[in-house]
Protein backbone atom coordinates (compact mmCIF):
# COMPACT_ATOMS: atom_id res chain seq x y z
CA UNK A 1 63.63 -103.17 -59.88
CA UNK A 2 65.68 -100.10 -59.83
CA UNK A 3 69.17 -99.85 -59.34
CA UNK A 4 70.44 -96.68 -57.77
CA UNK A 5 73.80 -95.78 -57.37
CA UNK A 6 75.02 -93.40 -53.87
CA UNK A 7 77.85 -92.62 -52.11
CA UNK A 8 78.81 -92.90 -48.63
CA UNK A 9 81.90 -92.48 -46.18
CA UNK A 10 83.33 -91.58 -49.89
CA UNK A 11 82.74 -95.25 -51.67
CA UNK A 12 79.96 -95.97 -54.09
CA UNK A 13 77.75 -98.27 -53.59
CA UNK A 14 74.88 -99.42 -56.15
CA UNK A 15 71.75 -100.79 -54.25
CA UNK A 16 68.24 -102.31 -55.77
CA UNK A 17 65.00 -100.95 -54.46
CA UNK A 18 61.28 -100.88 -54.93
CA UNK A 19 60.86 -98.86 -58.82
CA UNK A 20 59.97 -95.07 -57.13
CA UNK A 21 61.82 -95.72 -53.69
CA UNK A 22 64.94 -94.09 -55.64
CA UNK A 23 64.50 -90.86 -53.60
CA UNK A 24 63.71 -91.71 -50.90
CA UNK A 25 66.79 -94.16 -51.05
CA UNK A 26 69.12 -91.26 -51.70
CA UNK A 27 67.61 -88.93 -48.93
CA UNK A 28 68.69 -91.94 -46.53
CA UNK A 29 71.80 -92.11 -48.24
CA UNK A 30 72.40 -88.65 -48.01
CA UNK A 31 71.81 -87.94 -44.20
CA UNK A 32 73.96 -91.48 -43.72
CA UNK A 33 76.66 -90.05 -46.07
CA UNK A 34 76.45 -86.53 -43.51
CA UNK A 35 76.47 -88.00 -40.62
CA UNK A 36 79.47 -90.19 -42.22
CA UNK A 37 81.14 -86.91 -42.48
CA UNK A 38 81.23 -85.26 -39.10
CA UNK A 39 83.73 -87.92 -38.26
CA UNK A 40 86.92 -87.10 -39.76
CA UNK A 41 89.97 -89.07 -39.73
CA UNK A 42 89.92 -93.25 -38.83
CA UNK A 43 88.33 -95.56 -41.41
CA UNK A 44 85.78 -95.95 -43.58
CA UNK A 45 84.80 -98.76 -41.18
CA UNK A 46 84.74 -96.07 -37.73
CA UNK A 47 82.97 -93.43 -39.86
CA UNK A 48 80.00 -95.74 -40.85
CA UNK A 49 79.79 -96.57 -36.91
CA UNK A 50 80.08 -93.19 -35.92
CA UNK A 51 76.89 -92.49 -38.10
CA UNK A 52 74.57 -95.54 -37.51
CA UNK A 53 75.33 -94.73 -33.19
CA UNK A 54 73.88 -91.21 -33.90
CA UNK A 55 71.79 -91.93 -36.47
CA UNK A 56 70.26 -94.80 -33.86
CA UNK A 57 69.99 -92.83 -30.69
CA UNK A 58 68.79 -89.42 -33.09
CA UNK A 59 65.56 -92.11 -33.93
CA UNK A 60 66.13 -93.26 -29.74
CA UNK A 61 65.25 -89.56 -28.68
CA UNK A 62 62.46 -88.96 -31.25
CA UNK A 63 61.01 -92.33 -30.20
CA UNK A 64 61.05 -91.44 -26.39
CA UNK A 65 59.13 -87.72 -27.35
CA UNK A 66 56.73 -89.44 -29.15
CA UNK A 67 56.10 -91.32 -26.20
CA UNK A 68 55.62 -88.03 -23.97
CA UNK A 69 53.48 -87.08 -25.98
CA UNK A 70 51.41 -89.39 -26.30
CA UNK A 71 49.50 -88.55 -23.20
CA UNK A 72 48.94 -85.25 -24.06
CA UNK A 73 47.46 -86.17 -27.33
CA UNK A 74 45.00 -88.67 -25.29
CA UNK A 75 44.00 -85.38 -22.88
CA UNK A 76 43.53 -82.83 -25.88
CA UNK A 77 41.40 -85.51 -27.71
CA UNK A 78 39.81 -85.87 -24.38
CA UNK A 79 38.93 -81.99 -23.63
CA UNK A 80 37.72 -81.86 -27.21
CA UNK A 81 35.24 -84.47 -26.86
CA UNK A 82 34.01 -83.11 -23.57
CA UNK A 83 33.99 -79.42 -25.55
CA UNK A 84 32.23 -81.06 -29.01
CA UNK A 85 29.79 -82.48 -25.92
CA UNK A 86 29.43 -79.35 -24.39
CA UNK A 87 28.42 -77.45 -27.38
CA UNK A 88 26.13 -79.84 -28.26
CA UNK A 89 24.09 -79.70 -24.95
CA UNK A 90 24.40 -75.46 -25.80
CA UNK A 91 23.32 -75.63 -28.93
CA UNK A 92 20.32 -77.92 -27.92
CA UNK A 93 19.10 -76.14 -24.94
CA UNK A 94 19.43 -72.70 -27.48
CA UNK A 95 17.23 -74.30 -29.36
CA UNK A 96 14.89 -75.10 -26.61
CA UNK A 97 14.89 -71.33 -25.94
CA UNK A 98 14.06 -70.27 -29.38
CA UNK A 99 10.95 -73.13 -29.53
CA UNK A 100 9.56 -71.72 -26.44
CA UNK A 101 10.20 -67.97 -27.48
CA UNK A 102 8.29 -68.12 -30.79
CA UNK A 103 5.98 -70.16 -29.11
CA UNK A 104 5.76 -66.85 -26.55
CA UNK A 105 5.44 -64.49 -29.66
CA UNK A 106 2.79 -66.61 -31.01
CA UNK A 107 0.27 -66.50 -28.09
CA UNK A 108 1.00 -62.74 -27.71
CA UNK A 109 0.16 -62.15 -31.25
CA UNK A 110 -2.96 -64.39 -30.43
CA UNK A 111 -3.57 -62.66 -27.27
CA UNK A 112 -3.75 -59.58 -29.52
CA UNK A 113 -5.97 -60.00 -31.82
CA UNK A 114 -8.89 -62.48 -29.43
CA UNK A 115 -9.36 -59.44 -26.71
CA UNK A 116 -9.65 -55.92 -28.37
CA UNK A 117 -8.25 -53.16 -26.48
CA UNK A 118 -10.97 -50.78 -24.94
CA UNK A 119 -9.49 -48.02 -23.15
CA UNK A 120 -12.03 -47.37 -20.06
CA UNK A 121 -12.26 -44.24 -18.87
CA UNK A 122 -9.27 -43.18 -16.88
CA UNK A 123 -10.34 -40.83 -13.45
CA UNK A 124 -8.05 -38.38 -12.72
CA UNK A 125 -7.71 -39.74 -9.50
CA UNK A 126 -6.32 -42.32 -11.59
CA UNK A 127 -3.74 -40.74 -13.52
CA UNK A 128 -0.87 -40.16 -11.14
CA UNK A 129 -0.78 -43.22 -10.19
CA UNK A 130 -0.54 -44.19 -13.94
CA UNK A 131 2.03 -41.49 -14.68
CA UNK A 132 4.43 -43.20 -11.82
CA UNK A 133 3.51 -46.32 -13.29
CA UNK A 134 4.86 -45.42 -16.47
CA UNK A 135 7.70 -43.67 -15.29
CA UNK A 136 9.01 -46.83 -13.35
CA UNK A 137 8.69 -48.88 -16.40
CA UNK A 138 10.90 -46.54 -18.35
CA UNK A 139 13.45 -46.67 -16.21
CA UNK A 140 13.76 -50.48 -16.12
CA UNK A 141 13.24 -50.09 -19.32
CA UNK A 142 16.81 -48.21 -19.88
CA UNK A 143 18.03 -50.16 -17.29
CA UNK A 144 17.33 -53.36 -18.95
CA UNK A 145 18.89 -52.04 -22.37
CA UNK A 146 21.71 -51.18 -20.33
CA UNK A 147 22.56 -54.99 -19.65
CA UNK A 148 24.87 -55.86 -21.62
């Protein structure tokens, strides 16, 4: 047990407390002393009574604020859980899309190696149609590149 000397409302007090709790007790006594000194005049008992009442009021007000904040924190916890769930779902969907893309690339590469491209002799009548198709493809490619 530790011995602590306090002064509250101008009066000294000798108290015992658990070892290591001395600084906490001194801080609490300073708060009570400050409240007691806010009541000028009157007796020491009256000062301590009003200090106790003011501290009890502060404690009750803090408890009310904590009770009001608790439902909000429950709502925030639920929102965080929902966001985490959506993130996990989106991550899974992204992995699936990536796997499908990789499979499509492998198929494309396999098809490219399996069937050699042989250029058929183009007929002059087809040249004009092929040029129009190439122009359309280039226009679509330009539009696709502009999409964010």
